[in-house]
Amino acid sequence: MTLNTPHWSPETRPFQEVWYLKLNDPGNQRALWLRFTLLVSHNGFKRVAETWAIFFQRNPAKDVTKTALKQTFSIENFSFRAIENGGDGGIQIAQSELTPTSTKGSIQSKGNTIDWDLKMTANQAHSFNMVPEILSKIKVVKNTAVTVAEDLRFTGTSKINGETVSWNLAPGMQGHLSGPKNGHSWTWGHCNCFTDESGNPAPFVFDGLTARAQVAGAPTPWLSTFFFLYRGTPYHFNTLWDSLRVRSTHSYTGWSFQADRGELSFRGEARAEHKDFAGVTYEDTNGSLLYCANSKLSNMKIHVYRNGKLESTFVSNGNAAFEIVSREKNPYVPLLL
């Protein structure tokens, strides 16, 4: 497994870069989201490195508690070491680090602490480029957005205010974003924790993005890219032609999508209640703000049709990632960060 090397250099501005991870414990309805970020503002006055974490736990009453923390440092607290002589390379922000095979760290804020020490292995080696290549080549989109590892397994522990949580081969993923500014807005989802029609674990993976970029200060039309791993075969819908043909609609609490390839049709939906989301705020390189409604315990269902006939159904009850990012606050989701 690889770790995308930083695109940032000390001379680069404006710039933002993100490495993010999420993992689920389906048996206990809990999830952990980790984020390592760099931000250099357009005027160069703000140059920070941050670590973020949110722990999600669904309780017996079906409500989701969220412990959300972030810690901000000067960008001088960020370092990268290349892979040399068979050793692990990695990135580090203060006492938190991410390597190709592990992550550990600690975040303290407002009297709360989240610690973690996790090993990760690739269950199936697949990655996905979410930006159509032609849009990058002609520089309509200047950002990169890559899922480095679609199907990981995490083993280790985390501590939420001193309470230990164990993770044993927890399904998860790793992604990487970078560019001179954030996208305008987007809806994203991921899941590698499905069951089939018989209720048995299924090696099916979904990753999808519906997004708008910013060009000349205005948002572009919505474009979508999708990844499905079905019966051992990866299906990438990430050309410009794919983006124009796939269907995607979303609201504050739901997302429906369809992507067709030859005789196959993937039709899915993600759902979460307002109370399932954690609200977080992202700052863009020009100082503007984005508001993210972030859930890692959402429901997802995907049907696979072949020549118009239903062939398979995959369900994830409370173990899917689903987030909606907008330039306007969601009035129903309180901001935790």
Protein backbone atom coordinates (compact mmCIF):
# COMPACT_ATOMS: atom_id res chain seq x y z
CA MET A 1 0.00 0.00 0.00
CA THR A 2 1.20 3.51 -0.80
CA LEU A 3 0.87 6.92 0.80
CA ASN A 4 0.54 9.90 -1.51
CA THR A 5 3.53 12.18 -1.03
CA PRO A 6 2.83 15.85 -0.28
CA HIS A 7 2.17 18.15 -3.23
CA TRP A 8 2.83 21.19 -1.05
CA SER A 9 6.19 22.93 -0.91
CA PRO A 10 7.19 25.92 1.25
CA GLU A 11 7.00 28.23 -1.79
CA THR A 12 3.47 27.14 -2.76
CA ARG A 13 0.52 29.41 -2.07
CA PRO A 14 -2.40 29.39 -1.94
CA PHE A 15 -2.68 25.69 -1.16
CA GLN A 16 -4.64 23.08 0.78
CA GLU A 17 -3.89 19.39 1.20
CA VAL A 18 -5.71 16.65 3.07
CA TRP A 19 -5.00 13.02 3.98
CA TYR A 20 -8.06 11.34 5.49
CA LEU A 21 -9.03 7.94 6.88
CA LYS A 22 -12.24 6.36 8.08
CA LEU A 23 -12.96 3.00 9.69
CA ASN A 24 -16.08 1.23 10.95
CA ASP A 25 -16.87 -1.38 13.56
CA PRO A 26 -20.11 -2.82 12.16
CA GLY A 27 -20.82 -5.06 15.14
CA ASN A 28 -20.75 -2.15 17.57
CA GLN A 29 -22.06 0.65 15.32
CA ARG A 30 -19.07 2.88 15.82
CA ALA A 31 -16.73 4.70 13.44
CA LEU A 32 -13.61 6.86 13.51
CA TRP A 33 -12.69 9.61 11.04
CA LEU A 34 -9.16 11.04 10.96
CA ARG A 35 -7.87 13.98 8.95
CA PHE A 36 -4.39 15.47 8.46
CA THR A 37 -4.49 18.88 6.74
CA LEU A 38 -2.33 21.71 5.46
CA LEU A 39 -3.64 25.19 4.68
CA VAL A 40 -1.76 28.15 3.21
CA SER A 41 -3.94 31.19 2.59
CA HIS A 42 -3.87 33.26 -0.58
CA ASN A 43 -2.12 36.15 1.16
CA GLY A 44 0.30 33.81 2.94
CA PHE A 45 -0.65 35.05 6.41
CA LYS A 46 -2.21 31.74 7.43
CA ARG A 47 0.09 28.71 7.25
CA VAL A 48 -1.21 25.91 9.44
CA ALA A 49 -1.15 22.14 9.83
CA GLU A 50 -4.09 20.51 11.59
CA THR A 51 -5.17 17.13 12.89
CA TRP A 52 -8.88 16.29 13.08
CA ALA A 53 -10.82 13.36 14.54
CA ILE A 54 -14.46 12.45 15.02
CA PHE A 55 -15.60 9.35 16.89
CA PHE A 56 -19.16 8.24 16.12
CA GLN A 57 -21.08 5.84 18.40
CA ARG A 58 -24.70 4.76 17.97
CA ASN A 59 -26.29 4.03 21.36
CA PRO A 60 -29.11 1.56 22.16
CA ALA A 61 -31.68 4.33 21.65
CA LYS A 62 -30.36 4.62 18.04
CA ASP A 63 -29.00 8.12 18.63
CA VAL A 64 -25.45 8.86 17.51
CA THR A 65 -23.02 10.53 19.89
CA LYS A 66 -20.09 12.34 18.30
CA THR A 67 -16.80 13.35 19.85
CA ALA A 68 -15.19 15.86 17.49
CA LEU A 69 -11.77 17.45 17.98
CA LYS A 70 -9.18 19.30 15.97
CA GLN A 71 -5.83 20.79 16.86
CA THR A 72 -4.05 23.53 14.94
CA PHE A 73 -0.30 24.02 14.63
CA SER A 74 2.10 26.16 12.66
CA ILE A 75 2.91 24.52 9.34
CA GLU A 76 6.49 24.10 10.60
CA ASN A 77 5.08 21.20 12.66
CA PHE A 78 4.44 19.28 9.43
CA SER A 79 7.13 16.94 8.12
CA PHE A 80 7.45 14.24 5.51
CA ARG A 81 9.94 11.41 5.34
CA ALA A 82 10.45 9.48 2.13
CA ILE A 83 10.56 5.70 1.97
CA GLU A 84 14.22 4.72 2.04
CA ASN A 85 16.07 1.44 2.55
CA GLY A 86 12.88 -0.52 3.07
CA GLY A 87 11.68 1.69 5.91
CA ASP A 88 8.27 3.32 6.27
CA GLY A 89 7.88 6.80 4.89
CA GLY A 90 5.13 9.02 6.21
CA ILE A 91 3.76 12.40 7.17
CA GLN A 92 3.75 13.86 10.65
CA ILE A 93 1.94 16.78 12.27
CA ALA A 94 3.18 17.37 15.81
CA GLN A 95 2.79 14.02 17.63
CA SER A 96 0.42 12.47 15.03
CA GLU A 97 1.63 10.47 12.04
CA LEU A 98 0.44 8.54 9.02
CA THR A 99 2.52 5.95 7.18
CA PRO A 100 1.60 3.48 4.42
CA THR A 101 0.87 0.81 7.05
CA SER A 102 -0.08 2.62 10.26
CA THR A 103 -1.32 5.75 11.94
CA LYS A 104 -1.03 6.95 15.50
CA GLY A 105 -1.56 10.20 17.26
CA SER A 106 -3.28 12.32 19.85
CA ILE A 107 -5.57 15.34 19.64
CA GLN A 108 -6.41 17.48 22.66
CA SER A 109 -8.92 20.30 22.63
CA LYS A 110 -11.34 21.92 25.09
CA GLY A 111 -10.69 19.34 27.77
CA ASN A 112 -11.23 16.35 25.47
CA THR A 113 -8.70 13.89 24.05
CA ILE A 114 -8.74 11.37 21.22
CA ASP A 115 -5.75 9.03 20.88
CA TRP A 116 -5.23 6.27 18.33
CA ASP A 117 -2.69 3.61 17.39
CA LEU A 118 -3.73 1.58 14.35
CA LYS A 119 -2.18 -0.77 11.84
CA MET A 120 -3.71 -1.00 8.38
CA THR A 121 -3.52 -3.57 5.62
CA ALA A 122 -5.05 -3.70 2.16
CA ASN A 123 -7.88 -6.19 1.92
CA GLN A 124 -8.22 -5.55 -1.82
CA ALA A 125 -5.73 -3.31 -3.63
CA HIS A 126 -7.79 -0.72 -5.49
CA SER A 127 -7.53 3.06 -5.86
CA PHE A 128 -9.74 5.60 -7.60
CA ASN A 129 -9.12 9.00 -9.21
CA MET A 130 -12.26 11.08 -8.70
CA VAL A 131 -11.34 13.85 -11.18
CA PRO A 132 -11.84 13.17 -14.91
CA GLU A 133 -8.38 13.19 -16.46
CA ILE A 134 -9.28 15.58 -19.28
CA LEU A 135 -10.45 18.23 -16.79
CA SER A 136 -7.09 18.06 -15.03
CA LYS A 137 -5.17 18.22 -18.33
CA ILE A 138 -6.95 21.35 -19.53
CA LYS A 139 -6.78 22.79 -15.98
CA VAL A 140 -10.51 23.32 -15.59
CA VAL A 141 -10.02 21.41 -12.34
CA LYS A 142 -6.71 22.16 -10.62
CA ASN A 143 -7.34 19.97 -7.59
CA THR A 144 -6.53 16.31 -7.12
CA ALA A 145 -8.96 13.95 -5.38
CA VAL A 146 -7.83 10.34 -5.06
CA THR A 147 -8.95 7.42 -2.95
CA VAL A 148 -5.54 5.89 -2.34
CA ALA A 149 -6.92 2.68 -0.83
CA GLU A 150 -10.55 1.68 -1.30
CA ASP A 151 -10.60 -1.38 0.95
CA LEU A 152 -8.45 -1.38 4.09
CA ARG A 153 -8.56 -3.25 7.39
CA PHE A 154 -7.59 -1.48 10.62
CA THR A 155 -6.44 -3.19 13.81
CA GLY A 156 -5.48 -1.47 17.05
CA THR A 157 -6.96 0.85 19.63
CA SER A 158 -8.26 4.34 20.11
CA LYS A 159 -9.01 6.18 23.32
CA ILE A 160 -11.88 8.61 23.65
CA ASN A 161 -11.27 10.68 26.79
CA GLY A 162 -9.34 7.75 28.22
CA GLU A 163 -11.87 5.06 27.34
CA THR A 164 -10.26 2.39 25.16
CA VAL A 165 -11.97 1.23 21.97
CA SER A 166 -10.54 -1.81 20.18
CA TRP A 167 -10.61 -2.26 16.41
CA ASN A 168 -10.09 -5.69 14.87
CA LEU A 169 -9.85 -5.83 11.07
CA ALA A 170 -12.23 -2.89 10.88
CA PRO A 171 -13.15 -2.03 7.28
CA GLY A 172 -12.02 1.39 6.12
CA MET A 173 -10.29 3.49 3.50
CA GLN A 174 -7.74 6.26 2.86
CA GLY A 175 -8.03 9.33 0.64
CA HIS A 176 -5.96 12.32 -0.45
CA LEU A 177 -6.92 15.80 -1.70
CA SER A 178 -4.79 18.76 -2.78
CA GLY A 179 -4.93 21.96 -4.78
CA PRO A 180 -4.90 25.76 -4.72
CA LYS A 181 -8.42 25.89 -3.24
CA ASN A 182 -11.29 23.67 -2.20
CA GLY A 183 -14.02 22.58 -4.53
CA HIS A 184 -17.16 24.69 -4.42
CA SER A 185 -19.44 22.00 -2.93
CA TRP A 186 -19.86 18.25 -3.02
CA THR A 187 -21.56 15.08 -1.85
CA TRP A 188 -19.36 12.06 -1.14
CA GLY A 189 -19.95 8.53 0.03
CA HIS A 190 -17.97 5.36 0.61
CA CYS A 191 -18.72 1.91 1.94
CA ASN A 192 -16.85 -1.40 2.06
CA CYS A 193 -19.09 -2.99 4.70
CA PHE A 194 -22.05 -4.52 2.86
CA THR A 195 -24.15 -7.63 3.26
CA ASP A 196 -25.81 -9.51 0.41
CA GLU A 197 -29.42 -10.67 0.02
CA SER A 198 -28.82 -13.48 2.52
CA GLY A 199 -27.34 -11.18 5.13
CA ASN A 200 -23.79 -12.48 4.61
CA PRO A 201 -20.76 -10.14 4.36
CA ALA A 202 -20.16 -9.20 0.72
CA PRO A 203 -16.85 -8.07 -0.87
CA PHE A 204 -18.60 -5.18 -2.60
CA VAL A 205 -17.12 -1.66 -2.47
CA PHE A 206 -18.65 1.70 -3.38
CA ASP A 207 -17.01 5.12 -3.66
CA GLY A 208 -18.69 8.13 -5.23
CA LEU A 209 -18.51 11.90 -5.60
CA THR A 210 -20.92 14.49 -6.97
CA ALA A 211 -19.20 17.87 -7.01
CA ARG A 212 -18.94 21.36 -8.39
CA ALA A 213 -15.62 23.11 -8.96
CA GLN A 214 -14.98 26.85 -8.93
CA VAL A 215 -14.01 28.42 -12.26
CA ALA A 216 -13.53 32.19 -12.53
CA GLY A 217 -15.22 32.56 -9.16
CA ALA A 218 -18.39 30.73 -10.17
CA PRO A 219 -19.50 27.13 -9.55
CA THR A 220 -19.51 24.70 -12.47
CA PRO A 221 -22.41 22.32 -13.17
CA TRP A 222 -22.57 19.19 -11.01
CA LEU A 223 -20.35 16.31 -12.19
CA SER A 224 -20.20 12.83 -10.71
CA THR A 225 -17.66 10.01 -10.61
CA PHE A 226 -18.22 6.54 -9.15
CA PHE A 227 -16.31 3.38 -8.29
CA PHE A 228 -17.86 -0.05 -7.77
CA LEU A 229 -16.06 -3.30 -6.96
CA TYR A 230 -18.44 -6.04 -8.03
CA ARG A 231 -17.65 -9.74 -8.17
CA GLY A 232 -13.95 -8.97 -8.08
CA THR A 233 -14.03 -6.52 -10.99
CA PRO A 234 -13.49 -2.76 -10.47
CA TYR A 235 -15.77 -0.44 -12.44
CA HIS A 236 -14.44 3.10 -12.77
CA PHE A 237 -16.87 5.81 -13.89
CA ASN A 238 -14.45 8.72 -13.99
CA THR A 239 -14.17 9.98 -17.56
CA LEU A 240 -15.85 13.21 -18.59
CA TRP A 241 -18.27 11.14 -20.68
CA ASP A 242 -19.11 9.07 -17.61
CA SER A 243 -19.67 12.23 -15.57
CA LEU A 244 -22.15 13.56 -18.09
CA ARG A 245 -24.10 10.28 -18.30
CA VAL A 246 -24.42 9.18 -14.68
CA ARG A 247 -27.40 10.30 -12.62
CA SER A 248 -27.13 11.85 -9.18
CA THR A 249 -29.56 13.78 -6.97
CA HIS A 250 -29.10 14.72 -3.33
CA SER A 251 -30.83 16.48 -0.46
CA TYR A 252 -29.91 17.27 3.15
CA THR A 253 -30.46 13.65 4.17
CA GLY A 254 -30.37 11.52 1.02
CA TRP A 255 -28.48 10.75 -2.16
CA SER A 256 -29.64 8.68 -5.13
CA PHE A 257 -27.39 7.70 -8.02
CA GLN A 258 -27.19 5.49 -11.09
CA ALA A 259 -24.24 4.51 -13.28
CA ASP A 260 -24.56 2.23 -16.33
CA ARG A 261 -21.84 0.30 -18.13
CA GLY A 262 -22.77 -2.09 -20.91
CA GLU A 263 -25.25 -4.66 -19.62
CA LEU A 264 -24.74 -3.56 -15.99
CA SER A 265 -26.59 -0.84 -14.12
CA PHE A 266 -25.62 0.21 -10.58
CA ARG A 267 -28.46 2.00 -8.76
CA GLY A 268 -28.01 3.14 -5.20
CA GLU A 269 -29.00 5.42 -2.40
CA ALA A 270 -27.51 6.71 0.84
CA ARG A 271 -29.63 7.90 3.76
CA ALA A 272 -29.02 9.49 7.16
CA GLU A 273 -31.05 11.51 9.63
CA HIS A 274 -30.05 15.02 10.61
CA LYS A 275 -29.11 13.78 14.08
CA ASP A 276 -26.63 11.29 12.55
CA PHE A 277 -24.43 14.06 11.14
CA ALA A 278 -21.56 15.92 12.75
CA GLY A 279 -21.27 19.49 11.50
CA VAL A 280 -17.74 20.74 10.74
CA THR A 281 -16.36 23.88 9.13
CA TYR A 282 -13.61 23.94 6.51
CA GLU A 283 -11.72 27.11 5.66
CA ASP A 284 -10.76 27.74 2.05
CA THR A 285 -7.51 29.35 0.95
CA ASN A 286 -9.28 32.69 0.32
CA GLY A 287 -10.77 32.71 3.82
CA SER A 288 -14.27 31.64 2.77
CA LEU A 289 -15.97 28.82 4.65
CA LEU A 290 -17.50 25.47 3.71
CA TYR A 291 -19.90 23.56 5.95
CA CYS A 292 -19.75 19.77 6.06
CA ALA A 293 -22.50 17.49 7.36
CA ASN A 294 -20.43 14.38 8.08
CA SER A 295 -21.83 10.93 8.91
CA LYS A 296 -19.92 7.67 9.11
CA LEU A 297 -22.91 5.62 10.32
CA SER A 298 -25.25 6.10 7.37
CA ASN A 299 -27.40 3.57 5.54
CA MET A 300 -26.67 2.57 1.96
CA LYS A 301 -28.33 0.20 -0.49
CA ILE A 302 -27.12 -0.60 -4.01
CA HIS A 303 -28.93 -2.72 -6.60
CA VAL A 304 -27.07 -4.22 -9.55
CA TYR A 305 -29.09 -4.92 -12.70
CA ARG A 306 -27.93 -6.93 -15.69
CA ASN A 307 -29.83 -6.33 -18.93
CA GLY A 308 -32.60 -4.73 -16.91
CA LYS A 309 -33.01 -7.64 -14.51
CA LEU A 310 -32.10 -7.35 -10.83
CA GLU A 311 -29.01 -9.48 -10.22
CA SER A 312 -27.72 -8.45 -6.77
CA THR A 313 -28.58 -6.22 -3.84
CA PHE A 314 -26.07 -4.95 -1.29
CA VAL A 315 -27.07 -3.32 1.99
CA SER A 316 -25.14 -1.45 4.66
CA ASN A 317 -27.17 -0.67 7.76
CA GLY A 318 -25.41 2.13 9.59
CA ASN A 319 -21.87 1.56 8.29
CA ALA A 320 -21.53 3.88 5.29
CA ALA A 321 -19.75 7.22 4.98
CA PHE A 322 -21.99 10.01 3.66
CA GLU A 323 -21.11 13.69 3.70
CA ILE A 324 -22.57 16.81 2.17
CA VAL A 325 -20.41 19.94 1.85
CA SER A 326 -21.92 23.31 0.98
CA ARG A 327 -21.13 27.00 1.06
CA GLU A 328 -24.26 27.44 3.19
CA LYS A 329 -24.85 26.11 6.70
CA ASN A 330 -27.20 23.18 7.10
CA PRO A 331 -29.79 24.62 9.54
CA TYR A 332 -30.51 21.18 11.00
CA VAL A 333 -26.95 20.08 11.82
CA PRO A 334 -25.12 21.82 14.70
CA LEU A 335 -21.48 22.67 14.05
CA LEU A 336 -19.09 20.76 16.31
CA LEU A 337 -15.88 22.09 14.74
